[in-house]
Amino acid sequence: MFTFETADRKEVRRFRIAQFNGRTATVWSDGSVITGHVRSVLETQSIAPQRWAITIIPCAPKPDVSRPAPAVHVFAEDYR
C-alpha cells in the first residue's frame, strides 16, 4: 500500500471518483509513478489547512500490446 497526503482539492476529487468507479489512479511521487486502485480518501482533521490522506493499492502495469496494422485490400482490383 502507498499512502500520501495532499491539499489539492482537484486531485482529491479525481481520486474519489476513481475510487467510486473502481478505476485505477496514477500518482507521481519523487520521480516514480504509482498506479493502482484507491482504497481510501480520508480528511486529516488536526491540520489547519485542509489535507487528505490517500491510500492506493498498487497493481501491475498492463502489458503494451502492439498490433500489426491491418492489410487494406478493399479496392485491390482497381489497381490491376
Protein backbone atom coordinates (compact mmCIF):
# COMPACT_ATOMS: atom_id res chain seq x y z
CA MET A 1 0.00 0.00 0.00
CA PHE A 2 1.11 3.53 -0.75
CA THR A 3 -0.16 6.44 1.41
CA PHE A 4 0.45 10.13 0.82
CA GLU A 5 -1.04 13.50 1.79
CA THR A 6 -2.27 16.26 -0.46
CA ALA A 7 -4.01 19.62 -0.11
CA ASP A 8 -5.10 19.85 -3.76
CA ARG A 9 -8.91 19.64 -3.94
CA LYS A 10 -8.91 18.76 -7.66
CA GLU A 11 -6.57 15.86 -7.04
CA VAL A 12 -8.70 14.61 -4.14
CA ARG A 13 -11.82 14.78 -6.30
CA ARG A 14 -10.07 12.78 -9.02
CA PHE A 15 -9.12 10.07 -6.51
CA ARG A 16 -12.62 9.92 -5.03
CA ILE A 17 -14.14 9.49 -8.49
CA ALA A 18 -11.60 6.75 -9.30
CA GLN A 19 -12.44 5.00 -6.02
CA PHE A 20 -16.19 5.22 -6.63
CA ASN A 21 -15.94 3.92 -10.20
CA GLY A 22 -13.39 1.20 -9.40
CA ARG A 23 -10.82 2.62 -11.81
CA THR A 24 -7.09 2.86 -11.34
CA ALA A 25 -5.41 6.14 -10.47
CA THR A 26 -1.85 7.26 -11.13
CA VAL A 27 0.36 9.22 -8.71
CA TRP A 28 3.75 10.76 -9.40
CA SER A 29 5.87 10.75 -6.23
CA ASP A 30 9.58 11.57 -6.02
CA GLY A 31 10.14 10.73 -9.67
CA SER A 32 8.37 7.37 -9.55
CA VAL A 33 4.97 6.56 -10.97
CA ILE A 34 2.49 4.50 -8.92
CA THR A 35 -0.69 3.15 -10.50
CA GLY A 36 -3.33 1.30 -8.54
CA HIS A 37 -6.78 1.22 -7.00
CA VAL A 38 -7.73 3.88 -4.44
CA ARG A 39 -8.51 2.25 -1.11
CA SER A 40 -9.34 5.31 0.99
CA VAL A 41 -9.50 9.10 0.93
CA LEU A 42 -9.52 10.48 4.49
CA GLU A 43 -9.53 14.10 5.58
CA THR A 44 -6.94 14.96 8.23
CA GLN A 45 -8.77 16.92 10.95
CA SER A 46 -5.78 18.04 13.05
CA ILE A 47 -4.10 20.30 10.49
CA ALA A 48 -5.36 23.87 9.88
CA PRO A 49 -5.32 23.90 6.05
CA GLN A 50 -7.44 21.06 4.67
CA ARG A 51 -5.38 17.99 3.85
CA TRP A 52 -6.31 14.48 2.81
CA ALA A 53 -4.55 11.14 3.26
CA ILE A 54 -4.95 8.93 0.20
CA THR A 55 -4.16 5.22 0.23
CA ILE A 56 -3.52 3.38 -3.04
CA ILE A 57 -3.05 -0.35 -3.57
CA PRO A 58 -0.53 -0.69 -6.43
CA CYS A 59 -1.33 -3.01 -9.31
CA ALA A 60 0.85 -4.43 -12.06
CA PRO A 61 1.02 -2.26 -15.18
CA LYS A 62 -0.80 -3.52 -18.25
CA PRO A 63 1.46 -5.00 -20.91
CA ASP A 64 1.91 -2.92 -24.04
CA VAL A 65 0.07 -4.77 -26.78
CA SER A 66 1.28 -3.80 -30.22
CA ARG A 67 -1.00 -4.94 -33.00
CA PRO A 68 0.07 -5.09 -36.62
CA ALA A 69 -1.61 -2.70 -39.00
CA PRO A 70 -4.44 -4.31 -40.95
CA ALA A 71 -3.80 -5.05 -44.58
CA VAL A 72 -6.20 -2.93 -46.61
CA HIS A 73 -7.22 -4.55 -49.88
CA VAL A 74 -10.65 -3.03 -50.31
CA PHE A 75 -10.15 -1.76 -53.84
CA ALA A 76 -7.29 -4.04 -54.91
CA GLU A 77 -8.98 -4.82 -58.23
CA ASP A 78 -8.85 -1.10 -59.19
CA TYR A 79 -5.04 -1.17 -59.29
CA ARG A 80 -4.60 -4.00 -61.82
